[in-house]
Amino acid sequence: MEKQNLNTTLIYVLSVFGFLCCCLFGLGIIPSGIAYFVSNKQLKAAYADHENYDNIDGMKTAKTVALVVLIINILYLGLTAYRIYDMGGIGAFMDIINEAYEEAIRNSQ
């Protein structure tokens, strides 16, 4: 019986996309969370029948990368929440965004 190869490409792509999105208020938590849970599911299947799977070490590395990116996103999401709280809440945050938008409109005319 031929060994099945664990596909790590999806995990790496989602992890990189999650890392790139981490500066957008921590929204990279979604793709990196998906990458972590998919890699965890594939590793559980591989551990249950490890003789029929190849590239388990590569999947472990992909899972570690996904976990690191997930932690970075969680920290950035917490930092963003703290910054919004420190500014006076979501209302003050929206007022600052609206003022910046109106100023950009005035400067472009």
C-alpha atoms as a PDB file:
ATOM      1  CA  MET A   1       0.000   0.000   0.000  1.00  0.00           C
ATOM      2  CA  GLU A   2       1.290   3.421  -0.948  1.00  0.00           C
ATOM      3  CA  LYS A   3       1.886   6.011   1.776  1.00  0.00           C
ATOM      4  CA  GLN A   4      -0.290   9.106   1.735  1.00  0.00           C
ATOM      5  CA  ASN A   5       1.546  12.414   1.670  1.00  0.00           C
ATOM      6  CA  LEU A   6       0.361  15.114   4.055  1.00  0.00           C
ATOM      7  CA  ASN A   7      -0.147  18.344   2.108  1.00  0.00           C
ATOM      8  CA  THR A   8       1.457  21.197   4.018  1.00  0.00           C
ATOM      9  CA  THR A   9       1.008  23.794   1.270  1.00  0.00           C
ATOM     10  CA  LEU A  10      -2.468  24.863   2.421  1.00  0.00           C
ATOM     11  CA  ILE A  11      -1.240  25.290   5.990  1.00  0.00           C
ATOM     12  CA  TYR A  12       1.714  27.447   4.921  1.00  0.00           C
ATOM     13  CA  VAL A  13      -0.402  29.588   2.585  1.00  0.00           C
ATOM     14  CA  LEU A  14      -3.024  30.240   5.269  1.00  0.00           C
ATOM     15  CA  SER A  15      -0.319  30.972   7.838  1.00  0.00           C
ATOM     16  CA  VAL A  16       1.440  33.494   5.592  1.00  0.00           C
ATOM     17  CA  PHE A  17      -1.878  35.115   4.711  1.00  0.00           C
ATOM     18  CA  GLY A  18      -2.724  35.281   8.419  1.00  0.00           C
ATOM     19  CA  PHE A  19       0.643  36.870   9.148  1.00  0.00           C
ATOM     20  CA  LEU A  20       0.094  39.486   6.457  1.00  0.00           C
ATOM     21  CA  CYS A  21      -3.374  40.265   7.831  1.00  0.00           C
ATOM     22  CA  CYS A  22      -2.254  40.591  11.448  1.00  0.00           C
ATOM     23  CA  CYS A  23      -1.782  44.341  11.066  1.00  0.00           C
ATOM     24  CA  LEU A  24      -5.441  44.742  10.102  1.00  0.00           C
ATOM     25  CA  PHE A  25      -6.762  44.837  13.671  1.00  0.00           C
ATOM     26  CA  GLY A  26      -5.731  41.209  14.193  1.00  0.00           C
ATOM     27  CA  LEU A  27      -7.992  39.828  11.450  1.00  0.00           C
ATOM     28  CA  GLY A  28      -5.304  37.309  10.564  1.00  0.00           C
ATOM     29  CA  ILE A  29      -6.611  35.250  13.449  1.00  0.00           C
ATOM     30  CA  ILE A  30      -9.165  33.722  11.051  1.00  0.00           C
ATOM     31  CA  PRO A  31      -6.837  32.184   8.428  1.00  0.00           C
ATOM     32  CA  SER A  32      -4.181  31.267  10.979  1.00  0.00           C
ATOM     33  CA  GLY A  33      -6.794  29.626  13.195  1.00  0.00           C
ATOM     34  CA  ILE A  34      -8.079  27.632  10.238  1.00  0.00           C
ATOM     35  CA  ALA A  35      -4.502  26.603   9.375  1.00  0.00           C
ATOM     36  CA  TYR A  36      -3.858  25.464  12.938  1.00  0.00           C
ATOM     37  CA  PHE A  37      -7.038  23.420  13.223  1.00  0.00           C
ATOM     38  CA  VAL A  38      -6.625  21.806   9.792  1.00  0.00           C
ATOM     39  CA  SER A  39      -3.035  20.825  10.588  1.00  0.00           C
ATOM     40  CA  ASN A  40      -4.080  19.490  13.978  1.00  0.00           C
ATOM     41  CA  LYS A  41      -6.812  17.374  12.354  1.00  0.00           C
ATOM     42  CA  GLN A  42      -4.415  15.982   9.750  1.00  0.00           C
ATOM     43  CA  LEU A  43      -1.808  15.173  12.382  1.00  0.00           C
ATOM     44  CA  LYS A  44      -4.367  13.310  14.493  1.00  0.00           C
ATOM     45  CA  ALA A  45      -5.267  11.205  11.472  1.00  0.00           C
ATOM     46  CA  ALA A  46      -1.594  10.593  10.749  1.00  0.00           C
ATOM     47  CA  TYR A  47      -0.815   9.605  14.343  1.00  0.00           C
ATOM     48  CA  ALA A  48      -3.698   7.126  14.359  1.00  0.00           C
ATOM     49  CA  ASP A  49      -2.263   5.320  11.336  1.00  0.00           C
ATOM     50  CA  HIS A  50       1.340   6.533  11.103  1.00  0.00           C
ATOM     51  CA  GLU A  51       2.567   3.704   8.869  1.00  0.00           C
ATOM     52  CA  ASN A  52       0.400   4.920   5.977  1.00  0.00           C
ATOM     53  CA  TYR A  53       1.380   8.592   6.129  1.00  0.00           C
ATOM     54  CA  ASP A  54       4.490  10.341   4.926  1.00  0.00           C
ATOM     55  CA  ASN A  55       5.776  13.839   5.767  1.00  0.00           C
ATOM     56  CA  ILE A  56       4.562  13.888   9.366  1.00  0.00           C
ATOM     57  CA  ASP A  57       7.568  16.003  10.372  1.00  0.00           C
ATOM     58  CA  GLY A  58       6.693  18.564   7.693  1.00  0.00           C
ATOM     59  CA  MET A  59       3.156  18.789   9.034  1.00  0.00           C
ATOM     60  CA  LYS A  60       4.493  19.260  12.572  1.00  0.00           C
ATOM     61  CA  THR A  61       6.537  22.207  11.302  1.00  0.00           C
ATOM     62  CA  ALA A  62       3.528  23.655   9.464  1.00  0.00           C
ATOM     63  CA  LYS A  63       1.440  23.302  12.638  1.00  0.00           C
ATOM     64  CA  THR A  64       4.124  25.134  14.630  1.00  0.00           C
ATOM     65  CA  VAL A  65       4.227  27.973  12.093  1.00  0.00           C
ATOM     66  CA  ALA A  66       0.430  28.230  12.191  1.00  0.00           C
ATOM     67  CA  LEU A  67       0.471  28.301  15.998  1.00  0.00           C
ATOM     68  CA  VAL A  68       3.102  31.058  16.107  1.00  0.00           C
ATOM     69  CA  VAL A  69       1.133  33.177  13.627  1.00  0.00           C
ATOM     70  CA  LEU A  70      -2.054  32.529  15.612  1.00  0.00           C
ATOM     71  CA  ILE A  71      -0.376  33.712  18.826  1.00  0.00           C
ATOM     72  CA  ILE A  72       0.952  36.841  17.077  1.00  0.00           C
ATOM     73  CA  ASN A  73      -2.558  37.603  15.840  1.00  0.00           C
ATOM     74  CA  ILE A  74      -4.098  37.079  19.272  1.00  0.00           C
ATOM     75  CA  LEU A  75      -1.547  39.450  20.800  1.00  0.00           C
ATOM     76  CA  TYR A  76      -2.158  42.057  18.116  1.00  0.00           C
ATOM     77  CA  LEU A  77      -5.915  41.741  18.542  1.00  0.00           C
ATOM     78  CA  GLY A  78      -5.466  42.334  22.278  1.00  0.00           C
ATOM     79  CA  LEU A  79      -3.243  45.335  21.568  1.00  0.00           C
ATOM     80  CA  THR A  80      -5.845  46.762  19.215  1.00  0.00           C
ATOM     81  CA  ALA A  81      -8.600  46.278  21.799  1.00  0.00           C
ATOM     82  CA  TYR A  82      -6.435  48.007  24.406  1.00  0.00           C
ATOM     83  CA  ARG A  83      -5.740  50.927  22.073  1.00  0.00           C
ATOM     84  CA  ILE A  84      -9.438  51.371  21.343  1.00  0.00           C
ATOM     85  CA  TYR A  85     -10.223  51.218  25.077  1.00  0.00           C
ATOM     86  CA  ASP A  86      -7.424  53.692  25.824  1.00  0.00           C
ATOM     87  CA  MET A  87      -8.821  56.190  23.291  1.00  0.00           C
ATOM     88  CA  GLY A  88     -12.173  56.221  25.046  1.00  0.00           C
ATOM     89  CA  GLY A  89     -14.029  53.346  23.498  1.00  0.00           C
ATOM     90  CA  ILE A  90     -15.398  52.505  20.103  1.00  0.00           C
ATOM     91  CA  GLY A  91     -17.278  55.805  19.792  1.00  0.00           C
ATOM     92  CA  ALA A  92     -14.110  57.861  20.170  1.00  0.00           C
ATOM     93  CA  PHE A  93     -12.324  55.522  17.765  1.00  0.00           C
ATOM     94  CA  MET A  94     -15.016  56.033  15.137  1.00  0.00           C
ATOM     95  CA  ASP A  95     -14.891  59.824  15.661  1.00  0.00           C
ATOM     96  CA  ILE A  96     -11.134  59.807  15.000  1.00  0.00           C
ATOM     97  CA  ILE A  97     -11.623  57.733  11.856  1.00  0.00           C
ATOM     98  CA  ASN A  98     -14.396  60.050  10.623  1.00  0.00           C
ATOM     99  CA  GLU A  99     -12.242  63.145  11.261  1.00  0.00           C
ATOM    100  CA  ALA A 100      -9.330  61.600   9.372  1.00  0.00           C
ATOM    101  CA  TYR A 101     -11.661  60.675   6.493  1.00  0.00           C
ATOM    102  CA  GLU A 102     -13.136  64.174   6.285  1.00  0.00           C
ATOM    103  CA  GLU A 103      -9.663  65.728   6.384  1.00  0.00           C
ATOM    104  CA  ALA A 104      -8.522  63.446   3.575  1.00  0.00           C
ATOM    105  CA  ILE A 105     -11.560  64.480   1.513  1.00  0.00           C
ATOM    106  CA  ARG A 106     -10.810  68.184   2.129  1.00  0.00           C
ATOM    107  CA  ASN A 107      -7.146  67.744   1.189  1.00  0.00           C
ATOM    108  CA  SER A 108      -7.960  65.924  -2.037  1.00  0.00           C
ATOM    109  CA  GLN A 109     -10.161  68.745  -3.356  1.00  0.00           C
END
